[in-house]
Amino acid sequence: SMLEEKNILAFEIGEKQGKSLKSLAKEYYPEAIITIEKDLSSRDR
């Protein structure tokens, strides 16, 4: 209820949370482009 039609959500996450958070994000934004990206240590971040 807080976002304009064209929007981006950006989060820092724990290295073991990527899979769970991607699934959670799909529940709320099923049509969005959802990506998990890694930090310089190649950890989900």
PDB file of all heavy atoms in Angstrom:
ATOM      1  N   SER A   1       0.814  -1.217   0.000  1.00  0.00           N
ATOM      2  CA  SER A   1       0.000   0.000   0.000  1.00  0.00           C
ATOM      3  C   SER A   1       0.849   1.270   0.000  1.00  0.00           C
ATOM      4  O   SER A   1       0.316   2.377   0.049  1.00  0.00           O
ATOM      5  CB  SER A   1      -0.904   0.017   1.242  1.00  0.00           C
ATOM      6  OG  SER A   1      -0.121   0.041   2.430  1.00  0.00           O
ATOM      7  N   MET A   2       2.179   1.105  -0.062  1.00  0.00           N
ATOM      8  CA  MET A   2       3.074   2.249   0.079  1.00  0.00           C
ATOM      9  C   MET A   2       3.824   2.606  -1.198  1.00  0.00           C
ATOM     10  O   MET A   2       4.531   3.606  -1.243  1.00  0.00           O
ATOM     11  CB  MET A   2       4.107   1.966   1.180  1.00  0.00           C
ATOM     12  CG  MET A   2       3.495   1.765   2.553  1.00  0.00           C
ATOM     13  SD  MET A   2       4.697   1.134   3.750  1.00  0.00           S
ATOM     14  CE  MET A   2       5.838   2.491   3.828  1.00  0.00           C
ATOM     15  N   LEU A   3       3.658   1.799  -2.238  1.00  0.00           N
ATOM     16  CA  LEU A   3       4.485   1.959  -3.427  1.00  0.00           C
ATOM     17  C   LEU A   3       3.711   2.469  -4.638  1.00  0.00           C
ATOM     18  O   LEU A   3       2.544   2.122  -4.836  1.00  0.00           O
ATOM     19  CB  LEU A   3       5.136   0.621  -3.789  1.00  0.00           C
ATOM     20  CG  LEU A   3       6.261   0.161  -2.860  1.00  0.00           C
ATOM     21  CD1 LEU A   3       6.551  -1.317  -3.080  1.00  0.00           C
ATOM     22  CD2 LEU A   3       7.520   0.996  -3.071  1.00  0.00           C
ATOM     23  N   GLU A   4       4.404   3.281  -5.435  1.00  0.00           N
ATOM     24  CA  GLU A   4       3.861   3.667  -6.731  1.00  0.00           C
ATOM     25  C   GLU A   4       3.848   2.433  -7.642  1.00  0.00           C
ATOM     26  O   GLU A   4       4.444   1.402  -7.341  1.00  0.00           O
ATOM     27  CB  GLU A   4       4.749   4.754  -7.359  1.00  0.00           C
ATOM     28  CG  GLU A   4       4.812   6.054  -6.578  1.00  0.00           C
ATOM     29  CD  GLU A   4       3.563   6.908  -6.760  1.00  0.00           C
ATOM     30  OE1 GLU A   4       2.601   6.441  -7.418  1.00  0.00           O
ATOM     31  OE2 GLU A   4       3.555   8.039  -6.254  1.00  0.00           O
ATOM     32  N   GLU A   5       3.157   2.553  -8.768  1.00  0.00           N
ATOM     33  CA  GLU A   5       3.028   1.408  -9.679  1.00  0.00           C
ATOM     34  C   GLU A   5       4.395   0.914 -10.171  1.00  0.00           C
ATOM     35  O   GLU A   5       4.649  -0.288 -10.248  1.00  0.00           O
ATOM     36  CB  GLU A   5       2.152   1.790 -10.872  1.00  0.00           C
ATOM     37  CG  GLU A   5       1.875   0.616 -11.808  1.00  0.00           C
ATOM     38  CD  GLU A   5       0.928   0.995 -12.938  1.00  0.00           C
ATOM     39  OE1 GLU A   5       0.408   2.129 -12.928  1.00  0.00           O
ATOM     40  OE2 GLU A   5       0.739   0.156 -13.831  1.00  0.00           O
ATOM     41  N   LYS A   6       5.281   1.839 -10.498  1.00  0.00           N
ATOM     42  CA  LYS A   6       6.641   1.489 -10.917  1.00  0.00           C
ATOM     43  C   LYS A   6       7.540   1.622  -9.702  1.00  0.00           C
ATOM     44  O   LYS A   6       7.703   2.718  -9.155  1.00  0.00           O
ATOM     45  CB  LYS A   6       7.101   2.431 -12.035  1.00  0.00           C
ATOM     46  CG  LYS A   6       8.439   2.069 -12.652  1.00  0.00           C
ATOM     47  CD  LYS A   6       8.754   3.004 -13.822  1.00  0.00           C
ATOM     48  CE  LYS A   6      10.064   2.628 -14.508  1.00  0.00           C
ATOM     49  NZ  LYS A   6      10.373   3.519 -15.662  1.00  0.00           N
ATOM     50  N   ASN A   7       8.119   0.495  -9.242  1.00  0.00           N
ATOM     51  CA  ASN A   7       8.843   0.545  -7.976  1.00  0.00           C
ATOM     52  C   ASN A   7       9.922  -0.528  -7.873  1.00  0.00           C
ATOM     53  O   ASN A   7       9.942  -1.497  -8.635  1.00  0.00           O
ATOM     54  CB  ASN A   7       7.861   0.403  -6.808  1.00  0.00           C
ATOM     55  CG  ASN A   7       7.152  -0.945  -6.818  1.00  0.00           C
ATOM     56  OD1 ASN A   7       7.758  -1.972  -6.509  1.00  0.00           O
ATOM     57  ND2 ASN A   7       5.863  -0.955  -7.171  1.00  0.00           N
ATOM     58  N   ILE A   8      10.805  -0.314  -6.901  1.00  0.00           N
ATOM     59  CA  ILE A   8      11.859  -1.273  -6.572  1.00  0.00           C
ATOM     60  C   ILE A   8      11.923  -1.407  -5.057  1.00  0.00           C
ATOM     61  O   ILE A   8      11.844  -0.413  -4.332  1.00  0.00           O
ATOM     62  CB  ILE A   8      13.230  -0.822  -7.107  1.00  0.00           C
ATOM     63  CG1 ILE A   8      13.231  -0.795  -8.639  1.00  0.00           C
ATOM     64  CG2 ILE A   8      14.348  -1.748  -6.600  1.00  0.00           C
ATOM     65  CD1 ILE A   8      14.537  -0.253  -9.235  1.00  0.00           C
ATOM     66  N   LEU A   9      12.061  -2.644  -4.588  1.00  0.00           N
ATOM     67  CA  LEU A   9      12.367  -2.904  -3.187  1.00  0.00           C
ATOM     68  C   LEU A   9      13.763  -3.506  -3.129  1.00  0.00           C
ATOM     69  O   LEU A   9      14.071  -4.434  -3.889  1.00  0.00           O
ATOM     70  CB  LEU A   9      11.366  -3.868  -2.546  1.00  0.00           C
ATOM     71  CG  LEU A   9       9.919  -3.376  -2.441  1.00  0.00           C
ATOM     72  CD1 LEU A   9       9.090  -3.955  -3.585  1.00  0.00           C
ATOM     73  CD2 LEU A   9       9.315  -3.788  -1.105  1.00  0.00           C
ATOM     74  N   ALA A  10      14.609  -2.973  -2.252  1.00  0.00           N
ATOM     75  CA  ALA A  10      16.001  -3.418  -2.166  1.00  0.00           C
ATOM     76  C   ALA A  10      16.343  -3.716  -0.707  1.00  0.00           C
ATOM     77  O   ALA A  10      16.152  -2.861   0.166  1.00  0.00           O
ATOM     78  CB  ALA A  10      16.931  -2.339  -2.716  1.00  0.00           C
ATOM     79  N   PHE A  11      16.841  -4.919  -0.464  1.00  0.00           N
ATOM     80  CA  PHE A  11      17.144  -5.342   0.898  1.00  0.00           C
ATOM     81  C   PHE A  11      18.536  -5.947   1.003  1.00  0.00           C
ATOM     82  O   PHE A  11      18.970  -6.685   0.107  1.00  0.00           O
ATOM     83  CB  PHE A  11      16.164  -6.425   1.368  1.00  0.00           C
ATOM     84  CG  PHE A  11      14.727  -6.007   1.442  1.00  0.00           C
ATOM     85  CD1 PHE A  11      13.859  -6.298   0.400  1.00  0.00           C
ATOM     86  CD2 PHE A  11      14.225  -5.362   2.565  1.00  0.00           C
ATOM     87  CE1 PHE A  11      12.517  -5.951   0.467  1.00  0.00           C
ATOM     88  CE2 PHE A  11      12.889  -5.004   2.628  1.00  0.00           C
ATOM     89  CZ  PHE A  11      12.027  -5.292   1.584  1.00  0.00           C
ATOM     90  N   GLU A  12      19.192  -5.701   2.125  1.00  0.00           N
ATOM     91  CA  GLU A  12      20.323  -6.526   2.518  1.00  0.00           C
ATOM     92  C   GLU A  12      19.756  -7.695   3.319  1.00  0.00           C
ATOM     93  O   GLU A  12      18.823  -7.512   4.105  1.00  0.00           O
ATOM     94  CB  GLU A  12      21.321  -5.732   3.369  1.00  0.00           C
ATOM     95  CG  GLU A  12      22.563  -6.535   3.729  1.00  0.00           C
ATOM     96  CD  GLU A  12      23.626  -5.714   4.430  1.00  0.00           C
ATOM     97  OE1 GLU A  12      23.789  -4.529   4.086  1.00  0.00           O
ATOM     98  OE2 GLU A  12      24.299  -6.264   5.327  1.00  0.00           O
ATOM     99  N   ILE A  13      20.321  -8.893   3.137  1.00  0.00           N
ATOM    100  CA  ILE A  13      19.780 -10.084   3.784  1.00  0.00           C
ATOM    101  C   ILE A  13      20.899 -10.928   4.391  1.00  0.00           C
ATOM    102  O   ILE A  13      22.079 -10.745   4.086  1.00  0.00           O
ATOM    103  CB  ILE A  13      18.967 -10.946   2.782  1.00  0.00           C
ATOM    104  CG1 ILE A  13      19.897 -11.551   1.721  1.00  0.00           C
ATOM    105  CG2 ILE A  13      17.857 -10.110   2.137  1.00  0.00           C
ATOM    106  CD1 ILE A  13      19.217 -12.537   0.788  1.00  0.00           C
ATOM    107  N   GLY A  14      20.507 -11.879   5.230  1.00  0.00           N
ATOM    108  CA  GLY A  14      21.460 -12.828   5.772  1.00  0.00           C
ATOM    109  C   GLY A  14      21.847 -13.856   4.726  1.00  0.00           C
ATOM    110  O   GLY A  14      21.051 -14.200   3.848  1.00  0.00           O
ATOM    111  N   GLU A  15      23.059 -14.375   4.807  1.00  0.00           N
ATOM    112  CA  GLU A  15      23.591 -15.244   3.764  1.00  0.00           C
ATOM    113  C   GLU A  15      22.828 -16.567   3.610  1.00  0.00           C
ATOM    114  O   GLU A  15      22.942 -17.218   2.571  1.00  0.00           O
ATOM    115  CB  GLU A  15      25.067 -15.541   4.031  1.00  0.00           C
ATOM    116  CG  GLU A  15      25.338 -16.278   5.328  1.00  0.00           C
ATOM    117  CD  GLU A  15      26.825 -16.457   5.564  1.00  0.00           C
ATOM    118  OE1 GLU A  15      27.444 -15.558   6.146  1.00  0.00           O
ATOM    119  OE2 GLU A  15      27.353 -17.511   5.156  1.00  0.00           O
ATOM    120  N   LYS A  16      22.044 -16.956   4.613  1.00  0.00           N
ATOM    121  CA  LYS A  16      21.297 -18.208   4.533  1.00  0.00           C
ATOM    122  C   LYS A  16      19.807 -17.977   4.287  1.00  0.00           C
ATOM    123  O   LYS A  16      19.017 -18.916   4.347  1.00  0.00           O
ATOM    124  CB  LYS A  16      21.482 -19.011   5.824  1.00  0.00           C
ATOM    125  CG  LYS A  16      22.934 -19.417   6.082  1.00  0.00           C
ATOM    126  CD  LYS A  16      23.067 -20.171   7.400  1.00  0.00           C
ATOM    127  CE  LYS A  16      24.522 -20.545   7.670  1.00  0.00           C
ATOM    128  NZ  LYS A  16      24.673 -21.244   8.976  1.00  0.00           N
ATOM    129  N   GLN A  17      19.434 -16.732   3.983  1.00  0.00           N
ATOM    130  CA  GLN A  17      18.008 -16.391   3.881  1.00  0.00           C
ATOM    131  C   GLN A  17      17.511 -16.238   2.452  1.00  0.00           C
ATOM    132  O   GLN A  17      16.316 -16.027   2.236  1.00  0.00           O
ATOM    133  CB  GLN A  17      17.751 -15.083   4.649  1.00  0.00           C
ATOM    134  CG  GLN A  17      18.022 -15.192   6.136  1.00  0.00           C
ATOM    135  CD  GLN A  17      17.942 -13.850   6.854  1.00  0.00           C
ATOM    136  OE1 GLN A  17      18.191 -12.807   6.250  1.00  0.00           O
ATOM    137  NE2 GLN A  17      17.606 -13.871   8.126  1.00  0.00           N
ATOM    138  N   GLY A  18      18.385 -16.347   1.473  1.00  0.00           N
ATOM    139  CA  GLY A  18      18.017 -16.062   0.090  1.00  0.00           C
ATOM    140  C   GLY A  18      16.837 -16.864  -0.422  1.00  0.00           C
ATOM    141  O   GLY A  18      15.872 -16.311  -0.963  1.00  0.00           O
ATOM    142  N   LYS A  19      16.900 -18.174  -0.266  1.00  0.00           N
ATOM    143  CA  LYS A  19      15.851 -19.044  -0.797  1.00  0.00           C
ATOM    144  C   LYS A  19      14.504 -18.749  -0.146  1.00  0.00           C
ATOM    145  O   LYS A  19      13.479 -18.625  -0.821  1.00  0.00           O
ATOM    146  CB  LYS A  19      16.227 -20.509  -0.578  1.00  0.00           C
ATOM    147  CG  LYS A  19      15.274 -21.491  -1.206  1.00  0.00           C
ATOM    148  CD  LYS A  19      15.770 -22.921  -1.039  1.00  0.00           C
ATOM    149  CE  LYS A  19      14.812 -23.926  -1.670  1.00  0.00           C
ATOM    150  NZ  LYS A  19      15.293 -25.333  -1.493  1.00  0.00           N
ATOM    151  N   SER A  20      14.501 -18.611   1.177  1.00  0.00           N
ATOM    152  CA  SER A  20      13.255 -18.340   1.907  1.00  0.00           C
ATOM    153  C   SER A  20      12.676 -16.986   1.522  1.00  0.00           C
ATOM    154  O   SER A  20      11.452 -16.846   1.330  1.00  0.00           O
ATOM    155  CB  SER A  20      13.507 -18.382   3.415  1.00  0.00           C
ATOM    156  OG  SER A  20      13.929 -19.656   3.829  1.00  0.00           O
ATOM    157  N   LEU A  21      13.539 -15.992   1.385  1.00  0.00           N
ATOM    158  CA  LEU A  21      13.049 -14.652   1.080  1.00  0.00           C
ATOM    159  C   LEU A  21      12.581 -14.520  -0.360  1.00  0.00           C
ATOM    160  O   LEU A  21      11.641 -13.777  -0.645  1.00  0.00           O
ATOM    161  CB  LEU A  21      14.131 -13.615   1.384  1.00  0.00           C
ATOM    162  CG  LEU A  21      14.353 -13.352   2.880  1.00  0.00           C
ATOM    163  CD1 LEU A  21      15.510 -12.397   3.087  1.00  0.00           C
ATOM    164  CD2 LEU A  21      13.086 -12.782   3.516  1.00  0.00           C
ATOM    165  N   LYS A  22      13.200 -15.245  -1.256  1.00  0.00           N
ATOM    166  CA  LYS A  22      12.730 -15.213  -2.643  1.00  0.00           C
ATOM    167  C   LYS A  22      11.329 -15.803  -2.745  1.00  0.00           C
ATOM    168  O   LYS A  22      10.459 -15.258  -3.432  1.00  0.00           O
ATOM    169  CB  LYS A  22      13.696 -15.978  -3.551  1.00  0.00           C
ATOM    170  CG  LYS A  22      13.392 -15.780  -5.038  1.00  0.00           C
ATOM    171  CD  LYS A  22      14.512 -16.322  -5.906  1.00  0.00           C
ATOM    172  CE  LYS A  22      14.264 -15.974  -7.381  1.00  0.00           C
ATOM    173  NZ  LYS A  22      15.370 -16.430  -8.254  1.00  0.00           N
ATOM    174  N   SER A  23      11.085 -16.878  -2.024  1.00  0.00           N
ATOM    175  CA  SER A  23       9.748 -17.489  -2.002  1.00  0.00           C
ATOM    176  C   SER A  23       8.736 -16.542  -1.369  1.00  0.00           C
ATOM    177  O   SER A  23       7.606 -16.397  -1.854  1.00  0.00           O
ATOM    178  CB  SER A  23       9.783 -18.809  -1.222  1.00  0.00           C
ATOM    179  OG  SER A  23      10.609 -19.746  -1.864  1.00  0.00           O
ATOM    180  N   LEU A  24       9.155 -15.899  -0.284  1.00  0.00           N
ATOM    181  CA  LEU A  24       8.265 -14.954   0.391  1.00  0.00           C
ATOM    182  C   LEU A  24       7.940 -13.773  -0.510  1.00  0.00           C
ATOM    183  O   LEU A  24       6.784 -13.337  -0.597  1.00  0.00           O
ATOM    184  CB  LEU A  24       8.933 -14.469   1.678  1.00  0.00           C
ATOM    185  CG  LEU A  24       8.096 -13.576   2.602  1.00  0.00           C
ATOM    186  CD1 LEU A  24       6.869 -14.329   3.111  1.00  0.00           C
ATOM    187  CD2 LEU A  24       8.950 -13.100   3.779  1.00  0.00           C
ATOM    188  N   ALA A  25       8.938 -13.271  -1.206  1.00  0.00           N
ATOM    189  CA  ALA A  25       8.727 -12.140  -2.109  1.00  0.00           C
ATOM    190  C   ALA A  25       7.751 -12.498  -3.223  1.00  0.00           C
ATOM    191  O   ALA A  25       6.925 -11.666  -3.633  1.00  0.00           O
ATOM    192  CB  ALA A  25      10.065 -11.695  -2.698  1.00  0.00           C
ATOM    193  N   LYS A  26       7.817 -13.719  -3.717  1.00  0.00           N
ATOM    194  CA  LYS A  26       6.916 -14.158  -4.786  1.00  0.00           C
ATOM    195  C   LYS A  26       5.470 -14.204  -4.318  1.00  0.00           C
ATOM    196  O   LYS A  26       4.546 -14.015  -5.117  1.00  0.00           O
ATOM    197  CB  LYS A  26       7.351 -15.529  -5.303  1.00  0.00           C
ATOM    198  CG  LYS A  26       8.585 -15.486  -6.189  1.00  0.00           C
ATOM    199  CD  LYS A  26       8.947 -16.875  -6.714  1.00  0.00           C
ATOM    200  CE  LYS A  26      10.151 -16.810  -7.636  1.00  0.00           C
ATOM    201  NZ  LYS A  26      10.556 -18.151  -8.142  1.00  0.00           N
ATOM    202  N   GLU A  27       5.264 -14.458  -3.039  1.00  0.00           N
ATOM    203  CA  GLU A  27       3.903 -14.468  -2.500  1.00  0.00           C
ATOM    204  C   GLU A  27       3.272 -13.081  -2.589  1.00  0.00           C
ATOM    205  O   GLU A  27       2.084 -12.943  -2.899  1.00  0.00           O
ATOM    206  CB  GLU A  27       3.918 -14.939  -1.042  1.00  0.00           C
ATOM    207  CG  GLU A  27       4.266 -16.407  -0.853  1.00  0.00           C
ATOM    208  CD  GLU A  27       4.231 -16.801   0.607  1.00  0.00           C
ATOM    209  OE1 GLU A  27       3.521 -16.125   1.392  1.00  0.00           O
ATOM    210  OE2 GLU A  27       4.905 -17.782   0.964  1.00  0.00           O
ATOM    211  N   TYR A  28       4.055 -12.062  -2.312  1.00  0.00           N
ATOM    212  CA  TYR A  28       3.534 -10.692  -2.305  1.00  0.00           C
ATOM    213  C   TYR A  28       3.635 -10.012  -3.656  1.00  0.00           C
ATOM    214  O   TYR A  28       2.823  -9.143  -3.984  1.00  0.00           O
ATOM    215  CB  TYR A  28       4.272  -9.861  -1.244  1.00  0.00           C
ATOM    216  CG  TYR A  28       3.911 -10.256   0.170  1.00  0.00           C
ATOM    217  CD1 TYR A  28       4.693 -11.150   0.883  1.00  0.00           C
ATOM    218  CD2 TYR A  28       2.766  -9.755   0.784  1.00  0.00           C
ATOM    219  CE1 TYR A  28       4.354 -11.530   2.180  1.00  0.00           C
ATOM    220  CE2 TYR A  28       2.410 -10.122   2.071  1.00  0.00           C
ATOM    221  CZ  TYR A  28       3.216 -11.008   2.763  1.00  0.00           C
ATOM    222  OH  TYR A  28       2.858 -11.381   4.036  1.00  0.00           O
ATOM    223  N   TYR A  29       4.637 -10.406  -4.452  1.00  0.00           N
ATOM    224  CA  TYR A  29       4.844  -9.778  -5.764  1.00  0.00           C
ATOM    225  C   TYR A  29       5.057 -10.861  -6.829  1.00  0.00           C
ATOM    226  O   TYR A  29       6.165 -11.028  -7.353  1.00  0.00           O
ATOM    227  CB  TYR A  29       6.046  -8.833  -5.709  1.00  0.00           C
ATOM    228  CG  TYR A  29       5.822  -7.631  -4.826  1.00  0.00           C
ATOM    229  CD1 TYR A  29       6.240  -7.624  -3.497  1.00  0.00           C
ATOM    230  CD2 TYR A  29       5.159  -6.499  -5.307  1.00  0.00           C
ATOM    231  CE1 TYR A  29       6.020  -6.522  -2.678  1.00  0.00           C
ATOM    232  CE2 TYR A  29       4.930  -5.398  -4.502  1.00  0.00           C
ATOM    233  CZ  TYR A  29       5.364  -5.414  -3.187  1.00  0.00           C
ATOM    234  OH  TYR A  29       5.131  -4.324  -2.391  1.00  0.00           O
ATOM    235  N   PRO A  30       3.992 -11.609  -7.147  1.00  0.00           N
ATOM    236  CA  PRO A  30       4.126 -12.736  -8.082  1.00  0.00           C
ATOM    237  C   PRO A  30       4.526 -12.337  -9.500  1.00  0.00           C
ATOM    238  O   PRO A  30       5.075 -13.162 -10.238  1.00  0.00           O
ATOM    239  CB  PRO A  30       2.739 -13.382  -8.050  1.00  0.00           C
ATOM    240  CG  PRO A  30       1.809 -12.299  -7.587  1.00  0.00           C
ATOM    241  CD  PRO A  30       2.619 -11.485  -6.635  1.00  0.00           C
ATOM    242  N   GLU A  31       4.268 -11.093  -9.896  1.00  0.00           N
ATOM    243  CA  GLU A  31       4.582 -10.656 -11.255  1.00  0.00           C
ATOM    244  C   GLU A  31       5.904  -9.890 -11.343  1.00  0.00           C
ATOM    245  O   GLU A  31       6.308  -9.470 -12.425  1.00  0.00           O
ATOM    246  CB  GLU A  31       3.443  -9.750 -11.776  1.00  0.00           C
ATOM    247  CG  GLU A  31       2.061 -10.384 -11.736  1.00  0.00           C
ATOM    248  CD  GLU A  31       1.975 -11.656 -12.557  1.00  0.00           C
ATOM    249  OE1 GLU A  31       2.580 -11.695 -13.653  1.00  0.00           O
ATOM    250  OE2 GLU A  31       1.318 -12.611 -12.094  1.00  0.00           O
ATOM    251  N   ALA A  32       6.581  -9.726 -10.228  1.00  0.00           N
ATOM    252  CA  ALA A  32       7.796  -8.902 -10.201  1.00  0.00           C
ATOM    253  C   ALA A  32       9.024  -9.673 -10.685  1.00  0.00           C
ATOM    254  O   ALA A  32       9.049 -10.904 -10.722  1.00  0.00           O
ATOM    255  CB  ALA A  32       8.037  -8.397  -8.786  1.00  0.00           C
ATOM    256  N   ILE A  33      10.044  -8.913 -11.040  1.00  0.00           N
ATOM    257  CA  ILE A  33      11.375  -9.477 -11.263  1.00  0.00           C
ATOM    258  C   ILE A  33      12.023  -9.596  -9.888  1.00  0.00           C
ATOM    259  O   ILE A  33      12.218  -8.589  -9.196  1.00  0.00           O
ATOM    260  CB  ILE A  33      12.226  -8.565 -12.167  1.00  0.00           C
ATOM    261  CG1 ILE A  33      11.552  -8.376 -13.524  1.00  0.00           C
ATOM    262  CG2 ILE A  33      13.638  -9.126 -12.339  1.00  0.00           C
ATOM    263  CD1 ILE A  33      12.165  -7.250 -14.345  1.00  0.00           C
ATOM    264  N   ILE A  34      12.329 -10.803  -9.468  1.00  0.00           N
ATOM    265  CA  ILE A  34      12.874 -11.025  -8.125  1.00  0.00           C
ATOM    266  C   ILE A  34      14.244 -11.677  -8.248  1.00  0.00           C
ATOM    267  O   ILE A  34      14.382 -12.735  -8.874  1.00  0.00           O
ATOM    268  CB  ILE A  34      11.936 -11.912  -7.278  1.00  0.00           C
ATOM    269  CG1 ILE A  34      10.566 -11.237  -7.134  1.00  0.00           C
ATOM    270  CG2 ILE A  34      12.554 -12.176  -5.902  1.00  0.00           C
ATOM    271  CD1 ILE A  34       9.509 -12.104  -6.496  1.00  0.00           C
ATOM    272  N   THR A  35      15.253 -11.033  -7.675  1.00  0.00           N
ATOM    273  CA  THR A  35      16.603 -11.575  -7.774  1.00  0.00           C
ATOM    274  C   THR A  35      17.296 -11.587  -6.411  1.00  0.00           C
ATOM    275  O   THR A  35      17.097 -10.680  -5.595  1.00  0.00           O
ATOM    276  CB  THR A  35      17.486 -10.753  -8.745  1.00  0.00           C
ATOM    277  OG1 THR A  35      17.624  -9.427  -8.246  1.00  0.00           O
ATOM    278  CG2 THR A  35      16.871 -10.702 -10.125  1.00  0.00           C
ATOM    279  N   ILE A  36      18.070 -12.631  -6.182  1.00  0.00           N
ATOM    280  CA  ILE A  36      18.968 -12.700  -5.033  1.00  0.00           C
ATOM    281  C   ILE A  36      20.376 -12.514  -5.571  1.00  0.00           C
ATOM    282  O   ILE A  36      20.790 -13.228  -6.488  1.00  0.00           O
ATOM    283  CB  ILE A  36      18.873 -14.056  -4.304  1.00  0.00           C
ATOM    284  CG1 ILE A  36      17.458 -14.309  -3.790  1.00  0.00           C
ATOM    285  CG2 ILE A  36      19.894 -14.124  -3.163  1.00  0.00           C
ATOM    286  CD1 ILE A  36      17.004 -13.377  -2.688  1.00  0.00           C
ATOM    287  N   GLU A  37      21.096 -11.544  -5.042  1.00  0.00           N
ATOM    288  CA  GLU A  37      22.452 -11.285  -5.525  1.00  0.00           C
ATOM    289  C   GLU A  37      23.470 -11.511  -4.413  1.00  0.00           C
ATOM    290  O   GLU A  37      23.155 -11.405  -3.227  1.00  0.00           O
ATOM    291  CB  GLU A  37      22.550  -9.864  -6.069  1.00  0.00           C
ATOM    292  CG  GLU A  37      21.646  -9.647  -7.288  1.00  0.00           C
ATOM    293  CD  GLU A  37      22.031  -8.412  -8.073  1.00  0.00           C
ATOM    294  OE1 GLU A  37      23.199  -7.979  -7.981  1.00  0.00           O
ATOM    295  OE2 GLU A  37      21.150  -7.888  -8.766  1.00  0.00           O
ATOM    296  N   LYS A  38      24.689 -11.818  -4.821  1.00  0.00           N
ATOM    297  CA  LYS A  38      25.744 -12.160  -3.876  1.00  0.00           C
ATOM    298  C   LYS A  38      26.642 -10.966  -3.575  1.00  0.00           C
ATOM    299  O   LYS A  38      26.751 -10.033  -4.368  1.00  0.00           O
ATOM    300  CB  LYS A  38      26.582 -13.316  -4.431  1.00  0.00           C
ATOM    301  CG  LYS A  38      25.782 -14.596  -4.634  1.00  0.00           C
ATOM    302  CD  LYS A  38      26.662 -15.737  -5.098  1.00  0.00           C
ATOM    303  CE  LYS A  38      25.835 -17.001  -5.345  1.00  0.00           C
ATOM    304  NZ  LYS A  38      25.203 -17.508  -4.108  1.00  0.00           N
ATOM    305  N   ASP A  39      27.296 -11.012  -2.415  1.00  0.00           N
ATOM    306  CA  ASP A  39      28.272  -9.980  -2.066  1.00  0.00           C
ATOM    307  C   ASP A  39      29.637 -10.364  -2.635  1.00  0.00           C
ATOM    308  O   ASP A  39      29.766 -11.361  -3.364  1.00  0.00           O
ATOM    309  CB  ASP A  39      28.324  -9.774  -0.546  1.00  0.00           C
ATOM    310  CG  ASP A  39      28.710 -11.044   0.222  1.00  0.00           C
ATOM    311  OD1 ASP A  39      29.321 -11.955  -0.383  1.00  0.00           O
ATOM    312  OD2 ASP A  39      28.421 -11.112   1.435  1.00  0.00           O
ATOM    313  N   LEU A  40      30.664  -9.628  -2.306  1.00  0.00           N
ATOM    314  CA  LEU A  40      31.992  -9.873  -2.858  1.00  0.00           C
ATOM    315  C   LEU A  40      32.600 -11.175  -2.352  1.00  0.00           C
ATOM    316  O   LEU A  40      33.579 -11.660  -2.916  1.00  0.00           O
ATOM    317  CB  LEU A  40      32.915  -8.695  -2.529  1.00  0.00           C
ATOM    318  CG  LEU A  40      32.573  -7.367  -3.211  1.00  0.00           C
ATOM    319  CD1 LEU A  40      33.516  -6.271  -2.751  1.00  0.00           C
ATOM    320  CD2 LEU A  40      32.613  -7.507  -4.731  1.00  0.00           C
ATOM    321  N   SER A  41      32.029 -11.731  -1.294  1.00  0.00           N
ATOM    322  CA  SER A  41      32.486 -13.023  -0.777  1.00  0.00           C
ATOM    323  C   SER A  41      31.659 -14.177  -1.324  1.00  0.00           C
ATOM    324  O   SER A  41      31.740 -15.299  -0.823  1.00  0.00           O
ATOM    325  CB  SER A  41      32.422 -13.020   0.759  1.00  0.00           C
ATOM    326  OG  SER A  41      33.249 -12.016   1.302  1.00  0.00           O
ATOM    327  N   SER A  42      30.844 -13.884  -2.349  1.00  0.00           N
ATOM    328  CA  SER A  42      29.996 -14.881  -3.018  1.00  0.00           C
ATOM    329  C   SER A  42      28.950 -15.491  -2.091  1.00  0.00           C
ATOM    330  O   SER A  42      28.542 -16.642  -2.255  1.00  0.00           O
ATOM    331  CB  SER A  42      30.861 -16.004  -3.622  1.00  0.00           C
ATOM    332  OG  SER A  42      31.707 -15.476  -4.630  1.00  0.00           O
ATOM    333  N   ARG A  43      28.494 -14.698  -1.126  1.00  0.00           N
ATOM    334  CA  ARG A  43      27.409 -15.133  -0.246  1.00  0.00           C
ATOM    335  C   ARG A  43      26.132 -14.400  -0.645  1.00  0.00           C
ATOM    336  O   ARG A  43      26.167 -13.224  -1.000  1.00  0.00           O
ATOM    337  CB  ARG A  43      27.737 -14.813   1.218  1.00  0.00           C
ATOM    338  CG  ARG A  43      28.959 -15.523   1.765  1.00  0.00           C
ATOM    339  CD  ARG A  43      29.100 -15.217   3.255  1.00  0.00           C
ATOM    340  NE  ARG A  43      30.225 -15.913   3.841  1.00  0.00           N
ATOM    341  CZ  ARG A  43      31.422 -15.371   4.029  1.00  0.00           C
ATOM    342  NH1 ARG A  43      31.645 -14.114   3.669  1.00  0.00           N
ATOM    343  NH2 ARG A  43      32.398 -16.059   4.586  1.00  0.00           N
ATOM    344  N   ASP A  44      24.994 -15.089  -0.570  1.00  0.00           N
ATOM    345  CA  ASP A  44      23.714 -14.423  -0.803  1.00  0.00           C
ATOM    346  C   ASP A  44      23.594 -13.246   0.162  1.00  0.00           C
ATOM    347  O   ASP A  44      23.720 -13.416   1.384  1.00  0.00           O
ATOM    348  CB  ASP A  44      22.553 -15.398  -0.569  1.00  0.00           C
ATOM    349  CG  ASP A  44      22.421 -16.417  -1.685  1.00  0.00           C
ATOM    350  OD1 ASP A  44      23.099 -16.273  -2.709  1.00  0.00           O
ATOM    351  OD2 ASP A  44      21.630 -17.367  -1.519  1.00  0.00           O
ATOM    352  N   ARG A  45      23.341 -12.050  -0.377  1.00  0.00           N
ATOM    353  CA  ARG A  45      23.354 -10.876   0.499  1.00  0.00           C
ATOM    354  C   ARG A  45      22.313  -9.822   0.149  1.00  0.00           C
ATOM    355  O   ARG A  45      22.003  -8.949   0.965  1.00  0.00           O
ATOM    356  CB  ARG A  45      24.745 -10.229   0.449  1.00  0.00           C
ATOM    357  CG  ARG A  45      24.981  -9.140   1.457  1.00  0.00           C
ATOM    358  CD  ARG A  45      24.912  -9.635   2.880  1.00  0.00           C
ATOM    359  NE  ARG A  45      25.975 -10.577   3.176  1.00  0.00           N
ATOM    360  CZ  ARG A  45      26.040 -11.339   4.250  1.00  0.00           C
ATOM    361  NH1 ARG A  45      25.077 -11.266   5.156  1.00  0.00           N
ATOM    362  NH2 ARG A  45      27.030 -12.180   4.431  1.00  0.00           N
TER     363      ARG A  45
END
